[in-house]
Structures are given as structure tokens and as C-alpha cells.
C-alpha atoms as a PDB file:
ATOM      1  CA  UNK A   1      11.878  30.084  25.760  1.00  0.00           C
ATOM      2  CA  UNK A   2       9.450  28.277  23.551  1.00  0.00           C
ATOM      3  CA  UNK A   3       8.026  24.681  24.246  1.00  0.00           C
ATOM      4  CA  UNK A   4       9.860  22.493  21.884  1.00  0.00           C
ATOM      5  CA  UNK A   5       7.635  19.429  22.707  1.00  0.00           C
ATOM      6  CA  UNK A   6       5.798  17.941  19.893  1.00  0.00           C
ATOM      7  CA  UNK A   7       2.409  16.498  21.002  1.00  0.00           C
ATOM      8  CA  UNK A   8       1.185  13.673  18.671  1.00  0.00           C
ATOM      9  CA  UNK A   9      -2.311  11.798  18.774  1.00  0.00           C
ATOM     10  CA  UNK A  10      -2.872   8.923  16.494  1.00  0.00           C
ATOM     11  CA  UNK A  11      -5.665   6.611  15.456  1.00  0.00           C
ATOM     12  CA  UNK A  12      -6.597   3.935  12.998  1.00  0.00           C
ATOM     13  CA  UNK A  13      -9.362   1.393  12.373  1.00  0.00           C
ATOM     14  CA  UNK A  14     -11.324  -0.481  10.058  1.00  0.00           C
ATOM     15  CA  UNK A  15     -14.820  -1.882   9.202  1.00  0.00           C
ATOM     16  CA  UNK A  16     -14.798  -5.409   9.129  1.00  0.00           C
ATOM     17  CA  UNK A  17     -11.125  -6.972   9.580  1.00  0.00           C
ATOM     18  CA  UNK A  18     -10.210  -6.928   6.741  1.00  0.00           C
ATOM     19  CA  UNK A  19     -12.164  -4.332   5.479  1.00  0.00           C
ATOM     20  CA  UNK A  20     -12.109  -0.453   4.470  1.00  0.00           C
ATOM     21  CA  UNK A  21      -9.940   1.337   6.919  1.00  0.00           C
ATOM     22  CA  UNK A  22      -8.905   4.548   7.901  1.00  0.00           C
ATOM     23  CA  UNK A  23      -5.974   6.284   9.703  1.00  0.00           C
ATOM     24  CA  UNK A  24      -5.327  10.006  11.551  1.00  0.00           C
ATOM     25  CA  UNK A  25      -2.973  11.835  13.262  1.00  0.00           C
ATOM     26  CA  UNK A  26      -3.158  15.415  15.180  1.00  0.00           C
ATOM     27  CA  UNK A  27       0.065  17.032  15.624  1.00  0.00           C
ATOM     28  CA  UNK A  28       0.330  20.409  17.994  1.00  0.00           C
ATOM     29  CA  UNK A  29       4.056  21.964  18.615  1.00  0.00           C
ATOM     30  CA  UNK A  30       2.581  24.923  20.807  1.00  0.00           C
ATOM     31  CA  UNK A  31       2.299  27.182  17.464  1.00  0.00           C
ATOM     32  CA  UNK A  32       0.747  25.092  14.558  1.00  0.00           C
ATOM     33  CA  UNK A  33      -1.696  22.295  14.684  1.00  0.00           C
ATOM     34  CA  UNK A  34      -1.484  19.880  11.704  1.00  0.00           C
ATOM     35  CA  UNK A  35      -3.987  17.005  10.984  1.00  0.00           C
ATOM     36  CA  UNK A  36      -3.403  14.268   8.595  1.00  0.00           C
ATOM     37  CA  UNK A  37      -5.764  11.265   7.385  1.00  0.00           C
ATOM     38  CA  UNK A  38      -6.085   8.662   4.629  1.00  0.00           C
ATOM     39  CA  UNK A  39      -6.981   5.079   4.319  1.00  0.00           C
ATOM     40  CA  UNK A  40      -7.103   1.692   2.395  1.00  0.00           C
ATOM     41  CA  UNK A  41      -9.105  -1.047   1.260  1.00  0.00           C
ATOM     42  CA  UNK A  42      -8.916  -3.763   2.271  1.00  0.00           C
ATOM     43  CA  UNK A  43      -6.902  -3.421   5.130  1.00  0.00           C
ATOM     44  CA  UNK A  44      -6.927  -4.291   8.944  1.00  0.00           C
ATOM     45  CA  UNK A  45      -6.937  -2.606  11.852  1.00  0.00           C
ATOM     46  CA  UNK A  46      -3.412  -2.931  13.330  1.00  0.00           C
ATOM     47  CA  UNK A  47      -2.053  -1.788   9.972  1.00  0.00           C
ATOM     48  CA  UNK A  48      -4.305   1.374  10.151  1.00  0.00           C
ATOM     49  CA  UNK A  49      -2.989   1.954  13.933  1.00  0.00           C
ATOM     50  CA  UNK A  50       0.759   1.877  12.495  1.00  0.00           C
ATOM     51  CA  UNK A  51       0.154   3.827   9.541  1.00  0.00           C
ATOM     52  CA  UNK A  52      -1.359   6.641  11.619  1.00  0.00           C
ATOM     53  CA  UNK A  53       1.978   6.552  13.756  1.00  0.00           C
ATOM     54  CA  UNK A  54       4.068   6.081  10.833  1.00  0.00           C
ATOM     55  CA  UNK A  55       2.404   9.091   8.597  1.00  0.00           C
ATOM     56  CA  UNK A  56       2.527  11.177  11.886  1.00  0.00           C
ATOM     57  CA  UNK A  57       6.438  10.967  12.563  1.00  0.00           C
ATOM     58  CA  UNK A  58       6.716  11.375   8.928  1.00  0.00           C
ATOM     59  CA  UNK A  59       5.402  14.812   9.066  1.00  0.00           C
ATOM     60  CA  UNK A  60       7.012  15.663  12.494  1.00  0.00           C
ATOM     61  CA  UNK A  61      10.304  14.624  10.952  1.00  0.00           C
ATOM     62  CA  UNK A  62       9.589  16.696   7.634  1.00  0.00           C
ATOM     63  CA  UNK A  63       7.702  19.548   8.945  1.00  0.00           C
ATOM     64  CA  UNK A  64       8.689  20.109  12.531  1.00  0.00           C
ATOM     65  CA  UNK A  65      12.004  19.189  13.056  1.00  0.00           C
ATOM     66  CA  UNK A  66      11.128  16.251  15.177  1.00  0.00           C
ATOM     67  CA  UNK A  67      15.024  15.227  15.623  1.00  0.00           C
ATOM     68  CA  UNK A  68      15.963  18.191  17.432  1.00  0.00           C
ATOM     69  CA  UNK A  69      12.724  18.177  19.997  1.00  0.00           C
ATOM     70  CA  UNK A  70      10.818  16.100  22.597  1.00  0.00           C
ATOM     71  CA  UNK A  71       8.536  14.040  21.026  1.00  0.00           C
ATOM     72  CA  UNK A  72       5.134  12.664  23.033  1.00  0.00           C
ATOM     73  CA  UNK A  73       3.093  10.123  20.949  1.00  0.00           C
ATOM     74  CA  UNK A  74      -0.434   9.417  22.232  1.00  0.00           C
ATOM     75  CA  UNK A  75      -2.064   5.888  20.648  1.00  0.00           C
ATOM     76  CA  UNK A  76      -5.093   4.044  21.908  1.00  0.00           C
ATOM     77  CA  UNK A  77      -3.393   0.878  20.564  1.00  0.00           C
ATOM     78  CA  UNK A  78      -1.467  -1.692  22.849  1.00  0.00           C
ATOM     79  CA  UNK A  79      -0.445  -3.079  19.851  1.00  0.00           C
ATOM     80  CA  UNK A  80       1.288  -0.499  18.251  1.00  0.00           C
ATOM     81  CA  UNK A  81       2.819   0.895  21.877  1.00  0.00           C
ATOM     82  CA  UNK A  82       3.832  -2.534  23.265  1.00  0.00           C
ATOM     83  CA  UNK A  83       5.358  -3.681  19.604  1.00  0.00           C
ATOM     84  CA  UNK A  84       7.190  -0.509  19.258  1.00  0.00           C
ATOM     85  CA  UNK A  85       8.484  -0.424  23.173  1.00  0.00           C
ATOM     86  CA  UNK A  86       9.027  -4.042  23.655  1.00  0.00           C
ATOM     87  CA  UNK A  87       8.201  -6.936  21.114  1.00  0.00           C
ATOM     88  CA  UNK A  88      10.473  -5.617  18.201  1.00  0.00           C
ATOM     89  CA  UNK A  89      13.738  -6.329  19.913  1.00  0.00           C
ATOM     90  CA  UNK A  90      13.179  -9.885  20.240  1.00  0.00           C
ATOM     91  CA  UNK A  91      11.819  -9.752  16.728  1.00  0.00           C
ATOM     92  CA  UNK A  92      14.900  -8.025  15.331  1.00  0.00           C
ATOM     93  CA  UNK A  93      16.844 -10.439  17.481  1.00  0.00           C
ATOM     94  CA  UNK A  94      14.986 -13.571  16.101  1.00  0.00           C
ATOM     95  CA  UNK A  95      15.006 -12.721  12.822  1.00  0.00           C
ATOM     96  CA  UNK A  96      11.613 -11.276  12.631  1.00  0.00           C
ATOM     97  CA  UNK A  97       9.723 -14.231  14.077  1.00  0.00           C
ATOM     98  CA  UNK A  98       7.361 -14.439  17.023  1.00  0.00           C
ATOM     99  CA  UNK A  99       8.278 -16.422  20.146  1.00  0.00           C
ATOM    100  CA  UNK A 100       6.104 -18.904  18.376  1.00  0.00           C
ATOM    101  CA  UNK A 101       8.618 -19.128  15.598  1.00  0.00           C
ATOM    102  CA  UNK A 102       6.187 -17.491  13.262  1.00  0.00           C
ATOM    103  CA  UNK A 103       6.601 -14.757  10.934  1.00  0.00           C
ATOM    104  CA  UNK A 104       5.896 -11.131  12.643  1.00  0.00           C
ATOM    105  CA  UNK A 105       2.482  -9.755  11.086  1.00  0.00           C
ATOM    106  CA  UNK A 106       2.907  -6.420   9.228  1.00  0.00           C
ATOM    107  CA  UNK A 107       6.899  -6.645   9.289  1.00  0.00           C
ATOM    108  CA  UNK A 108       7.134  -4.092   6.521  1.00  0.00           C
ATOM    109  CA  UNK A 109       5.340  -1.320   9.046  1.00  0.00           C
ATOM    110  CA  UNK A 110       7.466  -2.119  11.874  1.00  0.00           C
ATOM    111  CA  UNK A 111      10.522  -1.725   9.985  1.00  0.00           C
ATOM    112  CA  UNK A 112       9.218   1.426   8.890  1.00  0.00           C
ATOM    113  CA  UNK A 113       8.299   2.686  12.110  1.00  0.00           C
ATOM    114  CA  UNK A 114      11.585   1.542  13.853  1.00  0.00           C
ATOM    115  CA  UNK A 115      13.486   3.724  11.290  1.00  0.00           C
ATOM    116  CA  UNK A 116      11.468   6.552  11.692  1.00  0.00           C
ATOM    117  CA  UNK A 117      11.673   6.154  15.586  1.00  0.00           C
ATOM    118  CA  UNK A 118      15.604   6.090  15.853  1.00  0.00           C
ATOM    119  CA  UNK A 119      17.253   9.274  16.984  1.00  0.00           C
ATOM    120  CA  UNK A 120      13.974  10.589  18.273  1.00  0.00           C
ATOM    121  CA  UNK A 121      13.511  11.891  21.925  1.00  0.00           C
ATOM    122  CA  UNK A 122       9.951  10.077  21.526  1.00  0.00           C
ATOM    123  CA  UNK A 123       7.958   9.052  24.841  1.00  0.00           C
ATOM    124  CA  UNK A 124       5.079   6.637  24.203  1.00  0.00           C
ATOM    125  CA  UNK A 125       1.726   7.014  25.857  1.00  0.00           C
ATOM    126  CA  UNK A 126      -1.335   4.951  25.806  1.00  0.00           C
ATOM    127  CA  UNK A 127      -4.739   6.487  25.955  1.00  0.00           C
ATOM    128  CA  UNK A 128      -8.234   4.761  26.449  1.00  0.00           C
ATOM    129  CA  UNK A 129     -10.106   4.954  23.063  1.00  0.00           C
ATOM    130  CA  UNK A 130     -13.579   6.398  23.287  1.00  0.00           C
ATOM    131  CA  UNK A 131     -13.056   7.997  26.888  1.00  0.00           C
ATOM    132  CA  UNK A 132     -13.462  11.626  25.776  1.00  0.00           C
ATOM    133  CA  UNK A 133     -10.106  12.673  25.366  1.00  0.00           C
ATOM    134  CA  UNK A 134     -10.183  15.420  22.578  1.00  0.00           C
ATOM    135  CA  UNK A 135      -7.503  14.674  20.642  1.00  0.00           C
ATOM    136  CA  UNK A 136      -8.029  10.933  20.476  1.00  0.00           C
ATOM    137  CA  UNK A 137     -11.682  11.523  19.732  1.00  0.00           C
ATOM    138  CA  UNK A 138     -10.880  13.992  16.703  1.00  0.00           C
ATOM    139  CA  UNK A 139      -8.559  11.629  15.278  1.00  0.00           C
ATOM    140  CA  UNK A 140     -11.499   8.796  15.557  1.00  0.00           C
ATOM    141  CA  UNK A 141     -13.667  11.120  13.970  1.00  0.00           C
ATOM    142  CA  UNK A 142     -11.483  11.484  11.058  1.00  0.00           C
ATOM    143  CA  UNK A 143     -10.681   7.940  10.833  1.00  0.00           C
ATOM    144  CA  UNK A 144     -14.590   7.276  10.146  1.00  0.00           C
ATOM    145  CA  UNK A 145     -14.600   9.882   7.550  1.00  0.00           C
ATOM    146  CA  UNK A 146     -12.095   7.629   5.839  1.00  0.00           C
ATOM    147  CA  UNK A 147     -13.525   4.670   6.324  1.00  0.00           C
ATOM    148  CA  UNK A 148     -16.870   6.031   5.075  1.00  0.00           C
ATOM    149  CA  UNK A 149     -15.019   7.129   2.228  1.00  0.00           C
ATOM    150  CA  UNK A 150     -13.968   3.734   1.214  1.00  0.00           C
ATOM    151  CA  UNK A 151     -17.128   1.754   2.195  1.00  0.00           C
ATOM    152  CA  UNK A 152     -19.658   0.557  -0.612  1.00  0.00           C
ATOM    153  CA  UNK A 153     -22.910   2.533  -0.808  1.00  0.00           C
ATOM    154  CA  UNK A 154     -25.965   0.368   0.385  1.00  0.00           C
END
């Protein structure tokens, strides 16, 4: 029987905050590896971390039948993992306001992510960044390439 689990690693970052940024993902399904990356300028680190996950899940749904498979998603962003697995429920309940009654930053990204995760057998995992994890390091390399593409030449 084939392994139906999709493995996804994501990363995002920027040079300066805000500044030129990049996002990347690696997706493995046992038969196929797929990588994706992109970026924006100007942007923030948190937006790039969210975009990496959003783009990875879009690819998983459109190209890898994610709704019928278990998805193990690895991120080095506590912001993304804690936001989607915990904070988002109160944000939705409170009309997209934080506990301090301020508008949630990056609301449109969170809403996109929430819509993409609905109906998926998705398991969130946090990994320490820059700690030698092969796929996390690969994502970071792609992020650095995307940032360099957007940085002005000296």
C-alpha cells in the first residue's frame, strides 16, 4: 500500500522588516518532490512565513489531492503554527480583533490560510530553524535566493 502522507516544509523571511522578502516550500509525497518559491518587496517576515504555507497548501490541494491525504506540515514559525492552531479561533470569534482590541495584522493572509486548511487532515509541526534539518535548510536557501533577487545592487 502506498504512503498517502504528504510532507511539507515551509519557510519565509525578509531582509529588513519590512524589506525584500522571499518564501519557499518543499513538498514530498513518496513519489514526487515539488519545490516552490517567490517573493515580494517590500514585505514583512510574518507575511512571507504565511505566504509560504498558503502557497504550499494551494499546491498540495491542486496537484496532490491533499483533501484525501494526511498532510504533515513543518514550519519554523511559531507565529504561523500558534496563529492557525490557536489564536485564530478567538480572532474569528472577536471580529478579527486581538485580545488588546486591535485589528489582527495580516488578516487577509490568515483568512486565506483558514480557508485552505478547512477539510484537510493537516498536522502542524514546529521545527527549529537553522538547526540542520535538511528540508528546512533547503527552504531557507530558496528564501535567500528570492530575497537576493529583490535586493538593490550595491
